[in-house]
């Protein structure tokens, strides 16, 4: 069972029970603008997307997107984790937070834990993708130590995205 902790946050595996939260997240206007339209309009559709997405990815690769929640309980804040896309060489870091969780440092805190987890898993090179107009995401990636590499089209009929990369040093013992 993967569970990452920070000073304020716990990151845990998503379950199908998280479908109502996921439905809310993917239908947030900022999610749609910066990440894309998922066309999920029911809890059942969200449940299927979780099952076929992060839950299946965790089983296949040993990592996925994790649900971010406050330590000590409370409503989910967002998702952060590692994504492996079949058509891309490198694992990428991803994150998305509900509007009420933005601007409080949660994304940075969660992403730092995810990067440490990637190092512990032996992932040597980490990618990130963001819309060129997503200034908040670009700032976060730079703070994490990723560097802009290029503009790329990842899928036909999709807009170009900024590609960021980081070489991860192995985790140190002690």
N, C-alpha and C. Protein backbone atom coordinates (compact mmCIF):
# COMPACT_ATOMS: atom_id res chain seq x y z
N UNK A 1 0.85 -1.19 0.00
CA UNK A 1 0.00 0.00 0.00
C UNK A 1 0.89 1.24 0.00
N UNK A 2 0.77 2.05 -1.02
CA UNK A 2 1.55 3.28 -1.12
C UNK A 2 0.86 4.37 -0.32
N UNK A 3 1.63 4.97 0.55
CA UNK A 3 1.15 6.13 1.29
C UNK A 3 2.35 7.04 1.52
N UNK A 4 2.27 8.24 0.99
CA UNK A 4 3.33 9.22 1.16
C UNK A 4 2.82 10.29 2.11
N UNK A 5 3.70 10.79 2.98
CA UNK A 5 3.30 11.81 3.94
C UNK A 5 4.25 12.99 3.86
N UNK A 6 3.67 14.15 4.07
CA UNK A 6 4.45 15.38 4.20
C UNK A 6 4.04 16.01 5.53
N UNK A 7 4.48 17.20 5.77
CA UNK A 7 4.13 17.88 7.01
C UNK A 7 2.61 18.04 7.16
N UNK A 8 1.94 18.36 6.06
CA UNK A 8 0.49 18.64 6.12
C UNK A 8 -0.38 17.64 5.36
N UNK A 9 0.23 16.81 4.53
CA UNK A 9 -0.55 16.03 3.58
C UNK A 9 -0.27 14.54 3.65
N UNK A 10 -1.27 13.79 3.24
CA UNK A 10 -1.11 12.36 3.01
C UNK A 10 -1.50 12.09 1.56
N UNK A 11 -0.68 11.33 0.86
CA UNK A 11 -0.97 10.91 -0.50
C UNK A 11 -1.20 9.41 -0.45
N UNK A 12 -2.34 8.97 -0.93
CA UNK A 12 -2.68 7.55 -0.88
C UNK A 12 -3.22 7.09 -2.23
N UNK A 13 -3.26 5.78 -2.41
CA UNK A 13 -3.82 5.23 -3.63
C UNK A 13 -5.27 5.64 -3.77
N UNK A 14 -5.68 5.93 -4.98
CA UNK A 14 -7.09 6.21 -5.23
C UNK A 14 -7.85 4.89 -5.24
N UNK A 15 -9.12 4.98 -4.92
CA UNK A 15 -10.01 3.82 -5.00
C UNK A 15 -11.25 4.24 -5.78
N UNK A 16 -12.05 3.28 -6.13
CA UNK A 16 -13.29 3.59 -6.83
C UNK A 16 -14.21 4.45 -5.97
N UNK A 17 -14.06 4.37 -4.65
CA UNK A 17 -14.88 5.19 -3.74
C UNK A 17 -14.56 6.68 -3.88
N UNK A 18 -13.44 7.03 -4.51
CA UNK A 18 -13.06 8.43 -4.71
C UNK A 18 -13.71 9.03 -5.96
N UNK A 19 -14.61 8.31 -6.60
CA UNK A 19 -15.23 8.77 -7.84
C UNK A 19 -15.95 10.11 -7.72
N UNK A 20 -16.72 10.38 -6.64
CA UNK A 20 -17.37 11.70 -6.57
C UNK A 20 -16.36 12.86 -6.57
N UNK A 21 -15.26 12.71 -5.82
CA UNK A 21 -14.20 13.73 -5.83
C UNK A 21 -13.61 13.87 -7.24
N UNK A 22 -13.29 12.74 -7.86
CA UNK A 22 -12.67 12.76 -9.19
C UNK A 22 -13.58 13.44 -10.21
N UNK A 23 -14.86 13.16 -10.13
CA UNK A 23 -15.83 13.80 -11.03
C UNK A 23 -15.80 15.31 -10.87
N UNK A 24 -15.76 15.77 -9.63
CA UNK A 24 -15.69 17.21 -9.35
C UNK A 24 -14.39 17.80 -9.91
N UNK A 25 -13.28 17.12 -9.69
CA UNK A 25 -11.98 17.63 -10.13
C UNK A 25 -11.90 17.77 -11.64
N UNK A 26 -12.28 16.71 -12.37
CA UNK A 26 -12.10 16.74 -13.83
C UNK A 26 -13.10 17.68 -14.52
N UNK A 27 -14.13 18.10 -13.81
CA UNK A 27 -15.08 19.04 -14.38
C UNK A 27 -14.85 20.48 -13.91
N UNK A 28 -13.79 20.70 -13.16
CA UNK A 28 -13.41 22.05 -12.76
C UNK A 28 -12.94 22.81 -14.02
N UNK A 29 -13.40 24.03 -14.23
CA UNK A 29 -13.01 24.78 -15.44
C UNK A 29 -11.50 24.90 -15.64
N UNK A 30 -10.72 25.07 -14.58
CA UNK A 30 -9.27 25.17 -14.73
C UNK A 30 -8.67 23.83 -15.16
N UNK A 31 -9.21 22.73 -14.67
CA UNK A 31 -8.75 21.41 -15.10
C UNK A 31 -8.99 21.26 -16.60
N UNK A 32 -10.19 21.58 -17.03
CA UNK A 32 -10.54 21.46 -18.44
C UNK A 32 -9.65 22.36 -19.29
N UNK A 33 -9.42 23.59 -18.85
CA UNK A 33 -8.59 24.53 -19.61
C UNK A 33 -7.14 24.07 -19.73
N UNK A 34 -6.56 23.61 -18.62
CA UNK A 34 -5.12 23.33 -18.61
C UNK A 34 -4.76 21.88 -18.84
N UNK A 35 -5.66 20.97 -18.54
CA UNK A 35 -5.35 19.54 -18.68
C UNK A 35 -6.18 18.92 -19.79
N UNK A 36 -7.45 19.25 -19.85
CA UNK A 36 -8.27 18.76 -20.94
C UNK A 36 -9.62 18.25 -20.49
N UNK A 37 -10.51 18.17 -21.43
CA UNK A 37 -11.87 17.70 -21.19
C UNK A 37 -11.85 16.17 -21.10
N UNK A 38 -12.38 15.62 -20.03
CA UNK A 38 -12.42 14.16 -19.84
C UNK A 38 -13.78 13.57 -20.19
N UNK A 39 -14.78 14.42 -20.39
CA UNK A 39 -16.12 13.96 -20.74
C UNK A 39 -16.67 12.94 -19.76
N UNK A 40 -16.46 13.21 -18.50
CA UNK A 40 -17.04 12.38 -17.43
C UNK A 40 -18.18 13.17 -16.82
N UNK A 41 -19.37 12.59 -16.83
CA UNK A 41 -20.55 13.33 -16.38
C UNK A 41 -21.37 12.58 -15.34
N UNK A 42 -20.83 11.48 -14.83
CA UNK A 42 -21.53 10.74 -13.79
C UNK A 42 -20.50 10.10 -12.87
N UNK A 43 -20.94 9.79 -11.66
CA UNK A 43 -20.06 9.11 -10.71
C UNK A 43 -19.63 7.76 -11.27
N UNK A 44 -20.54 7.08 -11.94
CA UNK A 44 -20.19 5.78 -12.52
C UNK A 44 -19.10 5.92 -13.58
N UNK A 45 -19.20 6.94 -14.43
CA UNK A 45 -18.16 7.18 -15.44
C UNK A 45 -16.83 7.51 -14.77
N UNK A 46 -16.87 8.31 -13.71
CA UNK A 46 -15.65 8.64 -12.96
C UNK A 46 -15.05 7.40 -12.32
N UNK A 47 -15.90 6.53 -11.81
CA UNK A 47 -15.43 5.28 -11.20
C UNK A 47 -14.69 4.44 -12.25
N UNK A 48 -15.26 4.35 -13.44
CA UNK A 48 -14.61 3.60 -14.51
C UNK A 48 -13.29 4.23 -14.93
N UNK A 49 -13.24 5.55 -14.98
CA UNK A 49 -11.99 6.24 -15.34
C UNK A 49 -10.90 6.00 -14.30
N UNK A 50 -11.28 5.96 -13.04
CA UNK A 50 -10.30 5.65 -11.99
C UNK A 50 -9.82 4.21 -12.11
N UNK A 51 -10.75 3.31 -12.34
CA UNK A 51 -10.42 1.88 -12.46
C UNK A 51 -9.47 1.65 -13.64
N UNK A 52 -9.79 2.28 -14.78
CA UNK A 52 -8.99 2.07 -15.99
C UNK A 52 -7.73 2.93 -16.03
N UNK A 53 -7.69 3.97 -15.19
CA UNK A 53 -6.55 4.89 -15.17
C UNK A 53 -5.62 4.61 -14.01
N UNK A 54 -5.69 5.41 -12.94
CA UNK A 54 -4.73 5.27 -11.85
C UNK A 54 -4.71 3.90 -11.18
N UNK A 55 -5.85 3.26 -11.01
CA UNK A 55 -5.87 1.95 -10.34
C UNK A 55 -5.15 0.91 -11.19
N UNK A 56 -5.43 0.88 -12.49
CA UNK A 56 -4.76 -0.05 -13.40
C UNK A 56 -3.27 0.28 -13.52
N UNK A 57 -2.94 1.58 -13.56
CA UNK A 57 -1.55 1.99 -13.68
C UNK A 57 -0.74 1.54 -12.46
N UNK A 58 -1.33 1.69 -11.28
CA UNK A 58 -0.65 1.26 -10.05
C UNK A 58 -0.36 -0.24 -10.11
N UNK A 59 -1.32 -1.02 -10.55
CA UNK A 59 -1.14 -2.47 -10.63
C UNK A 59 -0.07 -2.83 -11.66
N UNK A 60 -0.01 -2.09 -12.74
CA UNK A 60 0.92 -2.42 -13.82
C UNK A 60 2.34 -1.92 -13.57
N UNK A 61 2.47 -0.69 -13.07
CA UNK A 61 3.80 -0.07 -12.95
C UNK A 61 4.29 0.14 -11.53
N UNK A 62 3.42 0.02 -10.54
CA UNK A 62 3.82 0.26 -9.16
C UNK A 62 3.80 1.72 -8.78
N UNK A 63 3.22 2.56 -9.63
CA UNK A 63 3.03 3.98 -9.31
C UNK A 63 1.86 4.49 -10.12
N UNK A 64 1.32 5.62 -9.68
CA UNK A 64 0.16 6.21 -10.36
C UNK A 64 -0.07 7.60 -9.78
N UNK A 65 -1.24 8.14 -10.08
CA UNK A 65 -1.67 9.37 -9.42
C UNK A 65 -2.23 8.99 -8.06
N UNK A 66 -1.91 9.79 -7.05
CA UNK A 66 -2.36 9.53 -5.68
C UNK A 66 -3.31 10.62 -5.24
N UNK A 67 -4.26 10.25 -4.41
CA UNK A 67 -5.19 11.22 -3.85
C UNK A 67 -4.48 11.98 -2.74
N UNK A 68 -4.59 13.29 -2.76
CA UNK A 68 -3.95 14.15 -1.75
C UNK A 68 -5.03 14.63 -0.79
N UNK A 69 -4.79 14.37 0.50
CA UNK A 69 -5.74 14.79 1.52
C UNK A 69 -4.98 15.32 2.73
N UNK A 70 -5.63 16.16 3.55
CA UNK A 70 -4.93 16.68 4.73
C UNK A 70 -4.69 15.56 5.74
N UNK A 71 -3.55 15.63 6.41
CA UNK A 71 -3.30 14.70 7.52
C UNK A 71 -4.33 15.00 8.60
N UNK A 72 -4.87 13.97 9.17
CA UNK A 72 -5.85 14.16 10.23
C UNK A 72 -7.28 14.18 9.71
N UNK A 73 -7.43 13.99 8.41
CA UNK A 73 -8.78 13.92 7.85
C UNK A 73 -9.20 15.19 7.15
N UNK A 74 -10.26 15.06 6.44
CA UNK A 74 -10.79 16.17 5.67
C UNK A 74 -11.02 15.76 4.24
N UNK A 75 -11.67 16.61 3.49
CA UNK A 75 -12.00 16.33 2.11
C UNK A 75 -10.75 16.26 1.24
N UNK A 76 -10.76 15.45 0.19
CA UNK A 76 -9.63 15.40 -0.73
C UNK A 76 -9.35 16.78 -1.32
N UNK A 77 -8.07 17.05 -1.53
CA UNK A 77 -7.63 18.34 -2.06
C UNK A 77 -7.30 18.27 -3.54
N UNK A 78 -6.79 17.12 -3.98
CA UNK A 78 -6.36 17.00 -5.37
C UNK A 78 -5.70 15.66 -5.62
N UNK A 79 -4.99 15.60 -6.73
CA UNK A 79 -4.23 14.42 -7.13
C UNK A 79 -2.80 14.85 -7.42
N UNK A 80 -1.86 13.97 -7.14
CA UNK A 80 -0.47 14.20 -7.51
C UNK A 80 0.19 12.83 -7.62
N UNK A 81 1.04 12.66 -8.62
CA UNK A 81 1.68 11.35 -8.73
C UNK A 81 2.47 11.20 -10.00
N UNK A 82 2.73 9.93 -10.32
CA UNK A 82 3.57 9.55 -11.44
C UNK A 82 2.72 8.84 -12.48
N UNK A 83 2.87 9.26 -13.72
CA UNK A 83 2.06 8.72 -14.81
C UNK A 83 2.99 8.11 -15.86
N UNK A 84 2.68 6.91 -16.30
CA UNK A 84 3.41 6.30 -17.41
C UNK A 84 2.46 6.17 -18.58
N UNK A 85 2.77 6.89 -19.63
CA UNK A 85 1.95 6.85 -20.85
C UNK A 85 2.65 5.93 -21.85
N UNK A 86 1.90 5.02 -22.41
CA UNK A 86 2.47 4.02 -23.32
C UNK A 86 3.24 4.64 -24.48
N UNK A 87 2.80 5.78 -24.96
CA UNK A 87 3.40 6.37 -26.15
C UNK A 87 4.58 7.29 -25.84
N UNK A 88 4.96 7.41 -24.56
CA UNK A 88 6.08 8.28 -24.18
C UNK A 88 7.16 7.47 -23.48
N UNK A 89 8.39 7.89 -23.65
CA UNK A 89 9.52 7.17 -23.07
C UNK A 89 9.59 7.30 -21.55
N UNK A 90 9.39 8.51 -21.02
CA UNK A 90 9.64 8.75 -19.61
C UNK A 90 8.35 8.83 -18.79
N UNK A 91 8.48 8.48 -17.54
CA UNK A 91 7.40 8.69 -16.57
C UNK A 91 7.26 10.18 -16.37
N UNK A 92 6.02 10.66 -16.17
CA UNK A 92 5.86 12.08 -15.90
C UNK A 92 5.15 12.33 -14.59
N UNK A 93 5.42 13.49 -14.04
CA UNK A 93 4.77 13.90 -12.79
C UNK A 93 3.53 14.72 -13.17
N UNK A 94 2.45 14.44 -12.47
CA UNK A 94 1.22 15.15 -12.73
C UNK A 94 0.56 15.58 -11.44
N UNK A 95 -0.29 16.59 -11.54
CA UNK A 95 -1.00 17.08 -10.36
C UNK A 95 -2.18 17.92 -10.81
N UNK A 96 -3.19 17.93 -9.97
CA UNK A 96 -4.37 18.78 -10.19
C UNK A 96 -5.05 18.93 -8.84
N UNK A 97 -5.46 20.16 -8.54
CA UNK A 97 -6.08 20.43 -7.24
C UNK A 97 -7.39 21.18 -7.43
N UNK A 98 -8.30 20.97 -6.50
CA UNK A 98 -9.56 21.69 -6.51
C UNK A 98 -9.31 23.17 -6.26
N UNK A 99 -10.21 24.04 -6.72
CA UNK A 99 -10.00 25.50 -6.56
C UNK A 99 -9.71 25.92 -5.12
N UNK A 100 -10.42 25.35 -4.16
CA UNK A 100 -10.24 25.76 -2.77
C UNK A 100 -8.90 25.32 -2.18
N UNK A 101 -8.17 24.43 -2.88
CA UNK A 101 -6.88 23.97 -2.39
C UNK A 101 -5.70 24.67 -3.08
N UNK A 102 -5.99 25.49 -4.04
CA UNK A 102 -4.92 26.18 -4.78
C UNK A 102 -4.39 27.38 -4.00
N UNK A 103 -3.12 27.71 -4.25
CA UNK A 103 -2.52 28.89 -3.65
C UNK A 103 -2.10 28.71 -2.21
N UNK A 104 -2.05 27.48 -1.73
CA UNK A 104 -1.69 27.22 -0.34
C UNK A 104 -0.42 26.37 -0.21
N UNK A 105 0.25 26.13 -1.33
CA UNK A 105 1.48 25.35 -1.31
C UNK A 105 1.28 23.85 -1.31
N UNK A 106 0.04 23.38 -1.42
CA UNK A 106 -0.22 21.94 -1.40
C UNK A 106 0.38 21.24 -2.62
N UNK A 107 0.26 21.84 -3.79
CA UNK A 107 0.78 21.20 -5.01
C UNK A 107 2.29 21.02 -4.92
N UNK A 108 3.00 22.04 -4.46
CA UNK A 108 4.45 21.93 -4.31
C UNK A 108 4.81 20.87 -3.28
N UNK A 109 4.16 20.90 -2.15
CA UNK A 109 4.44 19.93 -1.08
C UNK A 109 4.19 18.50 -1.55
N UNK A 110 3.07 18.28 -2.22
CA UNK A 110 2.74 16.94 -2.72
C UNK A 110 3.72 16.52 -3.81
N UNK A 111 4.04 17.43 -4.73
CA UNK A 111 4.94 17.10 -5.83
C UNK A 111 6.35 16.80 -5.33
N UNK A 112 6.80 17.47 -4.29
CA UNK A 112 8.11 17.15 -3.71
C UNK A 112 8.12 15.72 -3.16
N UNK A 113 7.03 15.32 -2.51
CA UNK A 113 6.93 13.95 -2.01
C UNK A 113 6.91 12.95 -3.16
N UNK A 114 6.23 13.30 -4.24
CA UNK A 114 6.16 12.42 -5.41
C UNK A 114 7.54 12.29 -6.06
N UNK A 115 8.28 13.37 -6.14
CA UNK A 115 9.63 13.29 -6.71
C UNK A 115 10.55 12.42 -5.85
N UNK A 116 10.44 12.53 -4.54
CA UNK A 116 11.23 11.66 -3.65
C UNK A 116 10.83 10.21 -3.86
N UNK A 117 9.55 9.96 -4.04
CA UNK A 117 9.05 8.61 -4.30
C UNK A 117 9.60 8.10 -5.64
N UNK A 118 9.64 8.95 -6.65
CA UNK A 118 10.19 8.55 -7.95
C UNK A 118 11.66 8.14 -7.81
N UNK A 119 12.42 8.92 -7.05
CA UNK A 119 13.83 8.56 -6.81
C UNK A 119 13.92 7.20 -6.12
N UNK A 120 13.10 7.00 -5.11
CA UNK A 120 13.11 5.73 -4.37
C UNK A 120 12.74 4.55 -5.27
N UNK A 121 11.92 4.79 -6.27
CA UNK A 121 11.54 3.75 -7.22
C UNK A 121 12.62 3.50 -8.27
N UNK A 122 13.65 4.35 -8.29
CA UNK A 122 14.72 4.20 -9.26
C UNK A 122 14.45 4.86 -10.60
N UNK A 123 13.49 5.75 -10.65
CA UNK A 123 13.21 6.49 -11.88
C UNK A 123 14.31 7.53 -12.05
N UNK A 124 15.05 7.43 -13.13
CA UNK A 124 16.21 8.30 -13.32
C UNK A 124 15.92 9.62 -14.02
N UNK A 125 14.91 9.62 -14.86
CA UNK A 125 14.58 10.83 -15.62
C UNK A 125 13.08 11.01 -15.57
N UNK A 126 12.66 12.20 -15.19
CA UNK A 126 11.25 12.49 -14.97
C UNK A 126 10.82 13.62 -15.90
N UNK A 127 9.68 13.44 -16.55
CA UNK A 127 9.12 14.44 -17.46
C UNK A 127 7.95 15.16 -16.79
N UNK A 128 7.57 16.27 -17.37
CA UNK A 128 6.36 16.98 -16.98
C UNK A 128 5.86 17.73 -18.21
N UNK A 129 4.55 17.86 -18.30
CA UNK A 129 3.93 18.54 -19.43
C UNK A 129 2.95 19.56 -18.91
N UNK A 130 2.95 20.73 -19.54
CA UNK A 130 1.98 21.74 -19.14
C UNK A 130 1.64 22.62 -20.34
N UNK A 131 0.45 23.17 -20.29
CA UNK A 131 0.05 24.12 -21.32
C UNK A 131 0.95 25.34 -21.23
N UNK A 132 1.37 25.89 -22.37
CA UNK A 132 2.25 27.06 -22.35
C UNK A 132 1.69 28.26 -21.59
N UNK A 133 0.38 28.36 -21.47
CA UNK A 133 -0.23 29.50 -20.76
C UNK A 133 -0.46 29.23 -19.29
N UNK A 134 -0.11 28.06 -18.79
CA UNK A 134 -0.37 27.71 -17.40
C UNK A 134 0.80 28.18 -16.52
N UNK A 135 0.80 29.45 -16.21
CA UNK A 135 1.91 30.08 -15.47
C UNK A 135 2.12 29.44 -14.10
N UNK A 136 1.05 29.11 -13.39
CA UNK A 136 1.20 28.51 -12.06
C UNK A 136 1.91 27.17 -12.14
N UNK A 137 1.54 26.35 -13.11
CA UNK A 137 2.17 25.05 -13.27
C UNK A 137 3.63 25.19 -13.68
N UNK A 138 3.92 26.11 -14.58
CA UNK A 138 5.30 26.35 -15.00
C UNK A 138 6.15 26.77 -13.81
N UNK A 139 5.65 27.67 -12.99
CA UNK A 139 6.38 28.11 -11.79
C UNK A 139 6.64 26.93 -10.87
N UNK A 140 5.64 26.08 -10.67
CA UNK A 140 5.81 24.91 -9.80
C UNK A 140 6.88 23.97 -10.35
N UNK A 141 6.84 23.69 -11.64
CA UNK A 141 7.83 22.78 -12.23
C UNK A 141 9.25 23.33 -12.08
N UNK A 142 9.41 24.62 -12.28
CA UNK A 142 10.73 25.22 -12.12
C UNK A 142 11.19 25.14 -10.66
N UNK A 143 10.28 25.36 -9.72
CA UNK A 143 10.63 25.26 -8.29
C UNK A 143 11.02 23.83 -7.92
N UNK A 144 10.46 22.85 -8.62
CA UNK A 144 10.79 21.45 -8.38
C UNK A 144 12.13 21.06 -8.99
N UNK A 145 12.69 21.93 -9.82
CA UNK A 145 13.98 21.65 -10.44
C UNK A 145 13.88 21.08 -11.85
N UNK A 146 12.69 21.03 -12.43
CA UNK A 146 12.58 20.61 -13.81
C UNK A 146 12.95 21.79 -14.71
N UNK A 147 13.42 21.47 -15.89
CA UNK A 147 13.84 22.51 -16.83
C UNK A 147 13.12 22.33 -18.16
N UNK A 148 12.74 23.47 -18.75
CA UNK A 148 12.08 23.45 -20.05
C UNK A 148 12.99 22.79 -21.07
N UNK A 149 12.42 21.85 -21.83
CA UNK A 149 13.19 21.18 -22.87
C UNK A 149 12.72 21.54 -24.27
N UNK A 150 11.40 21.53 -24.48
CA UNK A 150 10.89 21.80 -25.83
C UNK A 150 9.38 21.96 -25.81
N UNK A 151 8.85 22.43 -26.90
CA UNK A 151 7.41 22.45 -27.15
C UNK A 151 7.11 21.21 -27.99
N UNK A 152 6.04 20.47 -27.66
CA UNK A 152 5.76 19.23 -28.38
C UNK A 152 4.26 19.00 -28.50
N UNK A 153 3.89 18.30 -29.54
CA UNK A 153 2.52 17.83 -29.72
C UNK A 153 2.54 16.35 -29.33
N UNK A 154 1.81 16.00 -28.28
CA UNK A 154 1.85 14.63 -27.77
C UNK A 154 0.81 13.71 -28.40
N UNK A 155 -0.24 14.31 -28.94
CA UNK A 155 -1.30 13.51 -29.56
C UNK A 155 -1.90 14.29 -30.72
N UNK A 156 -2.32 13.58 -31.76
CA UNK A 156 -2.94 14.27 -32.89
C UNK A 156 -4.15 15.09 -32.44
N UNK A 157 -4.36 16.21 -33.09
CA UNK A 157 -5.50 17.09 -32.81
C UNK A 157 -5.48 17.67 -31.39
N UNK A 158 -4.32 17.68 -30.75
CA UNK A 158 -4.17 18.28 -29.43
C UNK A 158 -3.21 19.46 -29.54
N UNK A 159 -3.38 20.47 -28.70
CA UNK A 159 -2.45 21.61 -28.75
C UNK A 159 -1.07 21.21 -28.24
N UNK A 160 -0.08 21.96 -28.66
CA UNK A 160 1.29 21.73 -28.20
C UNK A 160 1.40 22.04 -26.71
N UNK A 161 2.29 21.33 -26.05
CA UNK A 161 2.53 21.52 -24.62
C UNK A 161 4.02 21.76 -24.39
N UNK A 162 4.32 22.41 -23.28
CA UNK A 162 5.70 22.55 -22.85
C UNK A 162 6.14 21.23 -22.23
N UNK A 163 7.34 20.78 -22.58
CA UNK A 163 7.92 19.57 -22.01
C UNK A 163 9.06 20.01 -21.09
N UNK A 164 8.98 19.55 -19.85
CA UNK A 164 10.02 19.81 -18.85
C UNK A 164 10.63 18.48 -18.46
N UNK A 165 11.92 18.48 -18.09
CA UNK A 165 12.61 17.25 -17.71
C UNK A 165 13.47 17.50 -16.48
N UNK A 166 13.68 16.41 -15.72
CA UNK A 166 14.60 16.46 -14.58
C UNK A 166 15.32 15.12 -14.51
N UNK A 167 16.62 15.19 -14.27
CA UNK A 167 17.39 13.99 -13.97
C UNK A 167 17.36 13.83 -12.45
N UNK A 168 16.91 12.67 -11.99
CA UNK A 168 16.77 12.45 -10.56
C UNK A 168 17.98 11.69 -10.04
N UNK A 169 18.58 12.23 -9.00
CA UNK A 169 19.69 11.54 -8.35
C UNK A 169 19.10 10.38 -7.55
N UNK A 170 19.84 9.29 -7.44
CA UNK A 170 19.33 8.17 -6.65
C UNK A 170 19.09 8.59 -5.20
N UNK A 171 18.13 7.93 -4.56
CA UNK A 171 17.87 8.19 -3.15
C UNK A 171 19.08 7.77 -2.33
N UNK A 172 19.39 8.56 -1.32
CA UNK A 172 20.54 8.25 -0.45
C UNK A 172 20.08 7.58 0.80
N UNK A 173 20.84 6.59 1.25
CA UNK A 173 20.55 5.92 2.52
C UNK A 173 21.02 6.80 3.66
N UNK A 174 20.26 6.75 4.75
CA UNK A 174 20.68 7.46 5.95
C UNK A 174 20.15 8.81 6.00
